[in-house]
Amino acid sequence: MSRERLTVSDSIAGTVLDCLEFARSGGVLERSVGLTELPRLADVLVTSEGFLSVRLEGWRDDAGKSWLQVDIAGEPVLCCQRCLGGVKFPLAISSRLQLMAPGEDWPDDDLVDDSADAITAEKALAVLSLVEDEVLLALPIAPRHEQCEAPSANATGHGASPFAALADFKKH
């Protein structure tokens, strides 16, 4: 019986895995992904220049459970919510995911352990979507510098606030 081997290009875009087969065969996938390839991330980035290093590893444990280890590293530049400038955010994501076959009961005691999450094992898992999900979950809600100031009206070049004229009008 001949088997087809999974061929993977240098780009992670379009890479699709059969999760359970990837875990069963002890597959490893190492790639870098450009920030431009992550459209849902674009709203929180100041610049889409740069890359993330991605490593996926699959395995089965002694109990026959299938696992996927997802490691992502990089330093995207997020928009500071205070000064609106760029703030580098070092990413070092390491997620261990238990692969649950479709229709398989998810045991409650396994989900109590916070060191791993469970996902449905898909026959066609889009790797880029998984990476983007993991990155979005790791980002802060309101990124900001340790010390910075909110932009002032004069610094933005807009001059005085239009409401200042109303305040002057109210005085007279």
N, C-alpha and C. Protein backbone atom coordinates (compact mmCIF):
# COMPACT_ATOMS: atom_id res chain seq x y z
N MET A 1 0.85 -1.17 0.00
CA MET A 1 0.00 0.00 0.00
C MET A 1 0.90 1.24 0.00
N SER A 2 0.77 2.08 -1.00
CA SER A 2 1.61 3.28 -1.06
C SER A 2 0.92 4.44 -0.36
N ARG A 3 1.74 5.27 0.23
CA ARG A 3 1.22 6.43 0.95
C ARG A 3 1.69 7.69 0.25
N GLU A 4 0.83 8.69 0.24
CA GLU A 4 1.24 9.98 -0.27
C GLU A 4 1.92 10.73 0.87
N ARG A 5 3.05 11.33 0.54
CA ARG A 5 3.74 12.12 1.55
C ARG A 5 3.24 13.55 1.47
N LEU A 6 3.16 14.18 2.61
CA LEU A 6 2.74 15.57 2.68
C LEU A 6 3.86 16.45 2.14
N THR A 7 3.58 17.18 1.07
CA THR A 7 4.57 18.11 0.56
C THR A 7 4.20 19.51 1.01
N VAL A 8 5.20 20.23 1.49
CA VAL A 8 4.97 21.55 2.04
C VAL A 8 5.92 22.53 1.36
N SER A 9 5.38 23.64 0.88
CA SER A 9 6.22 24.66 0.26
C SER A 9 6.83 25.54 1.34
N ASP A 10 7.66 26.50 0.92
CA ASP A 10 8.27 27.42 1.87
C ASP A 10 7.26 28.36 2.50
N SER A 11 6.18 28.64 1.80
CA SER A 11 5.15 29.54 2.32
C SER A 11 4.15 28.75 3.15
N ILE A 12 3.74 29.34 4.26
CA ILE A 12 2.76 28.67 5.11
C ILE A 12 1.34 28.90 4.60
N ALA A 13 1.19 29.95 3.76
CA ALA A 13 -0.13 30.25 3.19
C ALA A 13 -0.56 29.08 2.31
N GLY A 14 -1.75 28.64 2.51
CA GLY A 14 -2.29 27.53 1.73
C GLY A 14 -1.92 26.16 2.28
N THR A 15 -1.09 26.09 3.32
CA THR A 15 -0.71 24.81 3.90
C THR A 15 -1.86 24.26 4.72
N VAL A 16 -2.25 23.04 4.39
CA VAL A 16 -3.37 22.38 5.05
C VAL A 16 -2.87 21.03 5.56
N LEU A 17 -3.24 20.70 6.80
CA LEU A 17 -2.80 19.45 7.41
C LEU A 17 -3.99 18.59 7.82
N ASP A 18 -3.82 17.29 7.71
CA ASP A 18 -4.73 16.34 8.35
C ASP A 18 -4.15 16.15 9.75
N CYS A 19 -4.79 16.75 10.75
CA CYS A 19 -4.24 16.82 12.11
C CYS A 19 -3.86 15.45 12.68
N LEU A 20 -4.79 14.52 12.61
CA LEU A 20 -4.53 13.22 13.23
C LEU A 20 -3.40 12.48 12.51
N GLU A 21 -3.33 12.57 11.20
CA GLU A 21 -2.25 11.93 10.46
C GLU A 21 -0.92 12.62 10.77
N PHE A 22 -0.94 13.94 10.89
CA PHE A 22 0.26 14.71 11.22
C PHE A 22 0.79 14.28 12.59
N ALA A 23 -0.11 14.12 13.57
CA ALA A 23 0.29 13.69 14.91
C ALA A 23 0.77 12.24 14.91
N ARG A 24 0.04 11.38 14.21
CA ARG A 24 0.39 9.96 14.18
C ARG A 24 1.77 9.74 13.58
N SER A 25 2.11 10.51 12.56
CA SER A 25 3.40 10.33 11.90
C SER A 25 4.53 11.14 12.55
N GLY A 26 4.20 11.91 13.62
CA GLY A 26 5.22 12.70 14.29
C GLY A 26 5.73 13.84 13.42
N GLY A 27 4.83 14.44 12.68
CA GLY A 27 5.19 15.49 11.74
C GLY A 27 5.73 16.74 12.40
N VAL A 28 6.62 17.42 11.70
CA VAL A 28 7.18 18.70 12.14
C VAL A 28 7.13 19.65 10.95
N LEU A 29 6.66 20.86 11.20
CA LEU A 29 6.58 21.89 10.17
C LEU A 29 7.19 23.17 10.74
N GLU A 30 8.23 23.67 10.07
CA GLU A 30 8.87 24.91 10.51
C GLU A 30 8.88 25.88 9.34
N ARG A 31 8.31 27.04 9.55
CA ARG A 31 8.22 28.06 8.51
C ARG A 31 8.23 29.44 9.15
N SER A 32 8.41 30.45 8.31
CA SER A 32 8.18 31.82 8.76
C SER A 32 7.01 32.34 7.96
N VAL A 33 6.25 33.21 8.59
CA VAL A 33 5.07 33.78 7.94
C VAL A 33 5.18 35.30 8.01
N GLY A 34 4.94 35.94 6.88
CA GLY A 34 4.97 37.39 6.84
C GLY A 34 3.73 37.97 7.51
N LEU A 35 3.90 39.07 8.21
CA LEU A 35 2.75 39.70 8.87
C LEU A 35 1.71 40.16 7.85
N THR A 36 2.11 40.36 6.61
CA THR A 36 1.17 40.75 5.56
C THR A 36 0.20 39.61 5.23
N GLU A 37 0.56 38.38 5.60
CA GLU A 37 -0.29 37.22 5.32
C GLU A 37 -1.37 37.00 6.39
N LEU A 38 -1.40 37.85 7.41
CA LEU A 38 -2.33 37.70 8.53
C LEU A 38 -3.31 38.88 8.53
N PRO A 39 -4.36 38.83 7.70
CA PRO A 39 -5.24 39.99 7.54
C PRO A 39 -6.01 40.39 8.79
N ARG A 40 -6.37 39.44 9.65
CA ARG A 40 -7.12 39.79 10.87
C ARG A 40 -6.23 40.50 11.88
N LEU A 41 -4.94 40.39 11.72
CA LEU A 41 -3.98 41.04 12.62
C LEU A 41 -3.71 42.49 12.20
N ALA A 42 -4.02 42.83 10.95
CA ALA A 42 -3.68 44.14 10.39
C ALA A 42 -4.25 45.30 11.19
N ASP A 43 -5.41 45.15 11.80
CA ASP A 43 -6.06 46.24 12.54
C ASP A 43 -5.26 46.69 13.76
N VAL A 44 -4.46 45.83 14.33
CA VAL A 44 -3.72 46.19 15.56
C VAL A 44 -2.25 46.50 15.30
N LEU A 45 -1.82 46.38 14.04
CA LEU A 45 -0.41 46.63 13.72
C LEU A 45 -0.20 48.04 13.20
N VAL A 46 0.94 48.62 13.54
CA VAL A 46 1.34 49.91 12.98
C VAL A 46 1.94 49.67 11.60
N THR A 47 2.70 48.59 11.47
CA THR A 47 3.30 48.21 10.20
C THR A 47 3.17 46.70 10.03
N SER A 48 2.97 46.29 8.80
CA SER A 48 2.87 44.86 8.53
C SER A 48 4.20 44.28 8.05
N GLU A 49 5.27 45.06 8.22
CA GLU A 49 6.60 44.55 7.88
C GLU A 49 7.04 43.59 8.98
N GLY A 50 7.72 42.57 8.59
CA GLY A 50 8.25 41.62 9.56
C GLY A 50 7.68 40.23 9.38
N PHE A 51 8.22 39.32 10.16
CA PHE A 51 7.86 37.91 10.06
C PHE A 51 7.68 37.29 11.43
N LEU A 52 6.98 36.18 11.47
CA LEU A 52 6.86 35.36 12.66
C LEU A 52 7.46 34.00 12.33
N SER A 53 8.19 33.44 13.26
CA SER A 53 8.70 32.07 13.11
C SER A 53 7.65 31.12 13.67
N VAL A 54 7.33 30.10 12.91
CA VAL A 54 6.27 29.16 13.30
C VAL A 54 6.83 27.74 13.28
N ARG A 55 6.52 26.98 14.32
CA ARG A 55 6.91 25.57 14.39
C ARG A 55 5.73 24.77 14.91
N LEU A 56 5.32 23.78 14.14
CA LEU A 56 4.26 22.86 14.56
C LEU A 56 4.87 21.47 14.67
N GLU A 57 4.50 20.77 15.73
CA GLU A 57 4.97 19.40 15.92
C GLU A 57 3.80 18.56 16.40
N GLY A 58 3.63 17.41 15.78
CA GLY A 58 2.56 16.50 16.17
C GLY A 58 3.13 15.24 16.79
N TRP A 59 2.38 14.64 17.72
CA TRP A 59 2.80 13.37 18.34
C TRP A 59 1.60 12.70 19.00
N ARG A 60 1.80 11.45 19.34
CA ARG A 60 0.82 10.68 20.12
C ARG A 60 1.48 10.26 21.42
N ASP A 61 0.74 10.39 22.52
CA ASP A 61 1.30 10.01 23.81
C ASP A 61 1.06 8.53 24.09
N ASP A 62 1.51 8.07 25.26
CA ASP A 62 1.38 6.65 25.62
C ASP A 62 -0.07 6.21 25.76
N ALA A 63 -0.97 7.16 26.05
CA ALA A 63 -2.39 6.83 26.19
C ALA A 63 -3.11 6.84 24.84
N GLY A 64 -2.39 7.13 23.76
CA GLY A 64 -2.99 7.14 22.43
C GLY A 64 -3.63 8.48 22.05
N LYS A 65 -3.45 9.49 22.88
CA LYS A 65 -4.00 10.81 22.56
C LYS A 65 -3.09 11.52 21.55
N SER A 66 -3.71 12.25 20.64
CA SER A 66 -2.96 12.99 19.63
C SER A 66 -2.80 14.44 20.08
N TRP A 67 -1.60 14.98 19.81
CA TRP A 67 -1.27 16.33 20.27
C TRP A 67 -0.64 17.13 19.15
N LEU A 68 -0.76 18.45 19.28
CA LEU A 68 -0.13 19.38 18.37
C LEU A 68 0.51 20.48 19.21
N GLN A 69 1.82 20.66 19.05
CA GLN A 69 2.55 21.73 19.73
C GLN A 69 2.72 22.86 18.73
N VAL A 70 2.30 24.08 19.12
CA VAL A 70 2.40 25.25 18.26
C VAL A 70 3.32 26.26 18.94
N ASP A 71 4.44 26.59 18.30
CA ASP A 71 5.38 27.59 18.82
C ASP A 71 5.49 28.71 17.80
N ILE A 72 5.28 29.94 18.27
CA ILE A 72 5.32 31.11 17.40
C ILE A 72 6.18 32.17 18.09
N ALA A 73 7.10 32.76 17.33
CA ALA A 73 7.96 33.81 17.89
C ALA A 73 8.09 34.94 16.88
N GLY A 74 8.21 36.14 17.40
CA GLY A 74 8.39 37.31 16.55
C GLY A 74 8.21 38.57 17.37
N GLU A 75 8.25 39.71 16.69
CA GLU A 75 8.11 40.98 17.39
C GLU A 75 7.30 41.96 16.53
N PRO A 76 5.98 41.75 16.45
CA PRO A 76 5.16 42.69 15.67
C PRO A 76 5.11 44.06 16.36
N VAL A 77 4.88 45.10 15.57
CA VAL A 77 4.78 46.45 16.09
C VAL A 77 3.30 46.81 16.18
N LEU A 78 2.81 46.91 17.42
CA LEU A 78 1.41 47.21 17.67
C LEU A 78 1.21 48.71 17.85
N CYS A 79 -0.04 49.15 17.80
CA CYS A 79 -0.37 50.56 17.99
C CYS A 79 -0.59 50.82 19.48
N CYS A 80 0.25 51.71 20.05
CA CYS A 80 0.11 52.09 21.45
C CYS A 80 -1.23 52.81 21.62
N GLN A 81 -2.02 52.38 22.57
CA GLN A 81 -3.34 52.97 22.78
C GLN A 81 -3.29 54.30 23.51
N ARG A 82 -2.12 54.69 23.98
CA ARG A 82 -1.99 55.98 24.66
C ARG A 82 -1.46 57.05 23.70
N CYS A 83 -0.31 56.80 23.06
CA CYS A 83 0.31 57.82 22.20
C CYS A 83 0.08 57.58 20.72
N LEU A 84 -0.49 56.43 20.37
CA LEU A 84 -0.79 56.02 18.99
C LEU A 84 0.46 55.75 18.16
N GLY A 85 1.60 55.65 18.82
CA GLY A 85 2.85 55.30 18.13
C GLY A 85 3.03 53.79 18.12
N GLY A 86 4.12 53.36 17.53
CA GLY A 86 4.41 51.93 17.46
C GLY A 86 5.07 51.42 18.73
N VAL A 87 4.64 50.26 19.17
CA VAL A 87 5.26 49.61 20.33
C VAL A 87 5.55 48.16 19.94
N LYS A 88 6.84 47.78 20.06
CA LYS A 88 7.22 46.41 19.73
C LYS A 88 6.70 45.48 20.82
N PHE A 89 6.09 44.38 20.38
CA PHE A 89 5.54 43.41 21.32
C PHE A 89 6.20 42.06 21.07
N PRO A 90 7.11 41.63 21.96
CA PRO A 90 7.76 40.34 21.75
C PRO A 90 6.79 39.18 21.98
N LEU A 91 6.66 38.34 20.97
CA LEU A 91 5.80 37.17 21.05
C LEU A 91 6.65 35.93 21.28
N ALA A 92 6.23 35.10 22.21
CA ALA A 92 6.85 33.79 22.44
C ALA A 92 5.72 32.85 22.85
N ILE A 93 4.95 32.42 21.86
CA ILE A 93 3.77 31.58 22.10
C ILE A 93 4.18 30.12 22.06
N SER A 94 3.72 29.38 23.04
CA SER A 94 3.93 27.94 23.08
C SER A 94 2.63 27.30 23.54
N SER A 95 1.88 26.76 22.58
CA SER A 95 0.57 26.17 22.88
C SER A 95 0.59 24.68 22.62
N ARG A 96 0.07 23.93 23.58
CA ARG A 96 -0.08 22.49 23.43
C ARG A 96 -1.56 22.21 23.25
N LEU A 97 -1.91 21.61 22.12
CA LEU A 97 -3.31 21.37 21.78
C LEU A 97 -3.58 19.88 21.68
N GLN A 98 -4.60 19.42 22.41
CA GLN A 98 -5.02 18.03 22.30
C GLN A 98 -6.00 17.94 21.14
N LEU A 99 -5.76 17.03 20.25
CA LEU A 99 -6.61 16.87 19.07
C LEU A 99 -7.72 15.88 19.38
N MET A 100 -8.95 16.35 19.27
CA MET A 100 -10.11 15.52 19.55
C MET A 100 -10.77 15.14 18.23
N ALA A 101 -10.89 13.86 17.98
CA ALA A 101 -11.51 13.40 16.74
C ALA A 101 -12.96 13.86 16.69
N PRO A 102 -13.47 14.18 15.50
CA PRO A 102 -14.87 14.60 15.38
C PRO A 102 -15.80 13.55 15.99
N GLY A 103 -16.72 14.00 16.82
CA GLY A 103 -17.67 13.11 17.47
C GLY A 103 -17.16 12.49 18.75
N GLU A 104 -15.88 12.64 19.04
CA GLU A 104 -15.29 12.07 20.26
C GLU A 104 -15.74 12.90 21.47
N ASP A 105 -16.07 12.22 22.57
CA ASP A 105 -16.47 12.92 23.79
C ASP A 105 -15.25 13.60 24.41
N TRP A 106 -15.44 14.84 24.80
CA TRP A 106 -14.37 15.59 25.44
C TRP A 106 -14.46 15.36 26.94
N PRO A 107 -13.53 14.61 27.53
CA PRO A 107 -13.58 14.33 28.96
C PRO A 107 -13.36 15.60 29.78
N ASP A 108 -14.21 15.80 30.78
CA ASP A 108 -14.12 16.99 31.62
C ASP A 108 -12.82 17.06 32.39
N ASP A 109 -12.32 15.93 32.87
CA ASP A 109 -11.10 15.96 33.68
C ASP A 109 -9.89 16.38 32.87
N ASP A 110 -9.85 16.10 31.57
CA ASP A 110 -8.74 16.54 30.73
C ASP A 110 -8.76 18.04 30.52
N LEU A 111 -9.93 18.66 30.54
CA LEU A 111 -10.04 20.08 30.30
C LEU A 111 -9.75 20.92 31.53
N VAL A 112 -9.62 20.29 32.69
CA VAL A 112 -9.29 21.01 33.92
C VAL A 112 -7.83 21.46 33.87
N ASP A 113 -6.99 20.70 33.21
CA ASP A 113 -5.56 21.00 33.10
C ASP A 113 -5.37 22.23 32.21
N ASP A 114 -4.80 23.30 32.77
CA ASP A 114 -4.61 24.55 32.02
C ASP A 114 -3.37 24.54 31.13
N SER A 115 -2.57 23.49 31.18
CA SER A 115 -1.36 23.47 30.38
C SER A 115 -1.62 23.13 28.92
N ALA A 116 -2.85 22.76 28.58
CA ALA A 116 -3.18 22.40 27.20
C ALA A 116 -4.63 22.79 26.92
N ASP A 117 -4.90 23.03 25.66
CA ASP A 117 -6.26 23.27 25.19
C ASP A 117 -6.64 22.12 24.27
N ALA A 118 -7.92 21.98 24.01
CA ALA A 118 -8.39 20.94 23.10
C ALA A 118 -9.03 21.60 21.89
N ILE A 119 -8.77 21.02 20.72
CA ILE A 119 -9.41 21.48 19.49
C ILE A 119 -9.88 20.26 18.72
N THR A 120 -10.85 20.47 17.86
CA THR A 120 -11.32 19.38 17.01
C THR A 120 -10.28 19.10 15.96
N ALA A 121 -9.92 17.84 15.81
CA ALA A 121 -8.93 17.44 14.81
C ALA A 121 -9.60 17.47 13.45
N GLU A 122 -9.15 18.35 12.60
CA GLU A 122 -9.73 18.50 11.28
C GLU A 122 -8.90 17.74 10.25
N LYS A 123 -9.57 17.26 9.23
CA LYS A 123 -8.86 16.60 8.13
C LYS A 123 -8.15 17.63 7.26
N ALA A 124 -8.62 18.88 7.32
CA ALA A 124 -8.03 19.94 6.51
C ALA A 124 -7.87 21.20 7.37
N LEU A 125 -6.88 21.17 8.26
CA LEU A 125 -6.61 22.32 9.13
C LEU A 125 -5.75 23.33 8.37
N ALA A 126 -6.27 24.55 8.21
CA ALA A 126 -5.51 25.62 7.57
C ALA A 126 -4.51 26.16 8.59
N VAL A 127 -3.24 25.92 8.36
CA VAL A 127 -2.19 26.27 9.31
C VAL A 127 -2.14 27.78 9.54
N LEU A 128 -2.29 28.56 8.48
CA LEU A 128 -2.24 30.01 8.61
C LEU A 128 -3.33 30.53 9.53
N SER A 129 -4.52 29.98 9.44
CA SER A 129 -5.63 30.38 10.30
C SER A 129 -5.35 30.03 11.76
N LEU A 130 -4.78 28.85 12.00
CA LEU A 130 -4.42 28.44 13.36
C LEU A 130 -3.38 29.39 13.94
N VAL A 131 -2.37 29.74 13.15
CA VAL A 131 -1.32 30.65 13.61
C VAL A 131 -1.92 32.01 13.95
N GLU A 132 -2.77 32.51 13.07
CA GLU A 132 -3.38 33.83 13.30
C GLU A 132 -4.25 33.81 14.56
N ASP A 133 -5.00 32.74 14.78
CA ASP A 133 -5.82 32.61 16.00
C ASP A 133 -4.94 32.66 17.24
N GLU A 134 -3.85 31.91 17.24
CA GLU A 134 -2.96 31.85 18.40
C GLU A 134 -2.33 33.22 18.68
N VAL A 135 -1.94 33.93 17.63
CA VAL A 135 -1.34 35.26 17.80
C VAL A 135 -2.37 36.23 18.37
N LEU A 136 -3.57 36.24 17.81
CA LEU A 136 -4.61 37.16 18.30
C LEU A 136 -4.95 36.91 19.76
N LEU A 137 -4.96 35.66 20.17
CA LEU A 137 -5.24 35.33 21.57
C LEU A 137 -4.12 35.78 22.51
N ALA A 138 -2.90 35.89 22.00
CA ALA A 138 -1.76 36.24 22.84
C ALA A 138 -1.54 37.75 22.97
N LEU A 139 -2.17 38.53 22.11
CA LEU A 139 -1.94 39.98 22.13
C LEU A 139 -2.68 40.65 23.28
N PRO A 140 -2.11 41.75 23.81
CA PRO A 140 -2.81 42.48 24.87
C PRO A 140 -4.03 43.21 24.30
N ILE A 141 -5.02 43.44 25.16
CA ILE A 141 -6.23 44.14 24.73
C ILE A 141 -5.91 45.59 24.36
N ALA A 142 -5.09 46.25 25.17
CA ALA A 142 -4.73 47.64 24.94
C ALA A 142 -3.22 47.80 25.06
N PRO A 143 -2.48 47.54 23.98
CA PRO A 143 -1.02 47.66 24.06
C PRO A 143 -0.60 49.12 24.28
N ARG A 144 0.46 49.29 25.06
CA ARG A 144 0.99 50.65 25.26
C ARG A 144 2.42 50.57 25.78
N HIS A 145 3.11 51.69 25.60
CA HIS A 145 4.48 51.80 26.10
C HIS A 145 4.46 51.85 27.62
N GLU A 146 5.60 51.56 28.23
CA GLU A 146 5.71 51.69 29.69
C GLU A 146 5.50 53.14 30.10
N GLN A 147 6.11 54.07 29.34
CA GLN A 147 5.96 55.49 29.62
C GLN A 147 5.81 56.24 28.30
N CYS A 148 4.73 56.95 28.16
CA CYS A 148 4.51 57.81 27.01
C CYS A 148 3.34 58.73 27.35
N GLU A 149 3.14 59.73 26.52
CA GLU A 149 2.06 60.67 26.77
C GLU A 149 1.08 60.64 25.61
N ALA A 150 -0.15 60.97 25.92
CA ALA A 150 -1.16 61.07 24.87
C ALA A 150 -0.78 62.21 23.94
N PRO A 151 -1.08 62.10 22.66
CA PRO A 151 -0.73 63.19 21.74
C PRO A 151 -1.51 64.46 22.10
N SER A 152 -0.82 65.60 22.06
CA SER A 152 -1.49 66.87 22.37
C SER A 152 -2.03 67.46 21.09
N ALA A 153 -2.94 68.40 21.19
CA ALA A 153 -3.56 69.02 20.02
C ALA A 153 -2.53 69.74 19.19
N ASN A 154 -1.58 70.42 19.83
CA ASN A 154 -0.57 71.17 19.09
C ASN A 154 0.41 70.24 18.39
N ALA A 155 0.67 69.09 18.96
CA ALA A 155 1.62 68.15 18.37
C ALA A 155 1.05 67.51 17.10
N THR A 156 -0.25 67.41 17.02
CA THR A 156 -0.86 66.80 15.84
C THR A 156 -1.04 67.78 14.71
N GLY A 157 -0.82 69.08 14.96
CA GLY A 157 -0.94 70.07 13.91
C GLY A 157 -2.35 70.54 13.67
N HIS A 158 -3.28 70.14 14.50
CA HIS A 158 -4.67 70.54 14.32
C HIS A 158 -4.98 71.86 15.00
N GLY A 159 -4.06 72.38 15.78
CA GLY A 159 -4.31 73.64 16.47
C GLY A 159 -5.24 73.44 17.65
N ALA A 160 -5.90 74.51 18.05
CA ALA A 160 -6.78 74.47 19.22
C ALA A 160 -8.02 73.64 18.90
N SER A 161 -8.58 73.09 19.94
CA SER A 161 -9.78 72.29 19.80
C SER A 161 -10.95 73.17 19.38
N PRO A 162 -11.83 72.68 18.54
CA PRO A 162 -13.00 73.47 18.16
C PRO A 162 -13.90 73.77 19.36
N PHE A 163 -13.79 72.95 20.38
CA PHE A 163 -14.61 73.18 21.58
C PHE A 163 -14.07 74.34 22.41
N ALA A 164 -12.78 74.69 22.22
CA ALA A 164 -12.22 75.86 22.92
C ALA A 164 -12.93 77.12 22.48
N ALA A 165 -13.29 77.22 21.21
CA ALA A 165 -14.02 78.40 20.72
C ALA A 165 -15.39 78.45 21.35
N LEU A 166 -16.03 77.32 21.55
CA LEU A 166 -17.34 77.30 22.21
C LEU A 166 -17.22 77.75 23.66
N ALA A 167 -16.14 77.35 24.32
CA ALA A 167 -15.93 77.78 25.72
C ALA A 167 -15.77 79.28 25.79
N ASP A 168 -15.02 79.86 24.85
CA ASP A 168 -14.87 81.32 24.81
C ASP A 168 -16.23 82.00 24.55
N PHE A 169 -17.01 81.44 23.67
CA PHE A 169 -18.32 81.99 23.33
C PHE A 169 -19.25 81.98 24.55
N LYS A 170 -19.14 80.91 25.34
CA LYS A 170 -20.00 80.75 26.52
C LYS A 170 -19.65 81.80 27.57
N LYS A 171 -18.39 82.24 27.65
CA LYS A 171 -17.97 83.24 28.64
C LYS A 171 -18.58 84.59 28.36
N HIS A 172 -18.90 84.91 27.12
CA HIS A 172 -19.40 86.25 26.77
C HIS A 172 -20.88 86.31 26.81
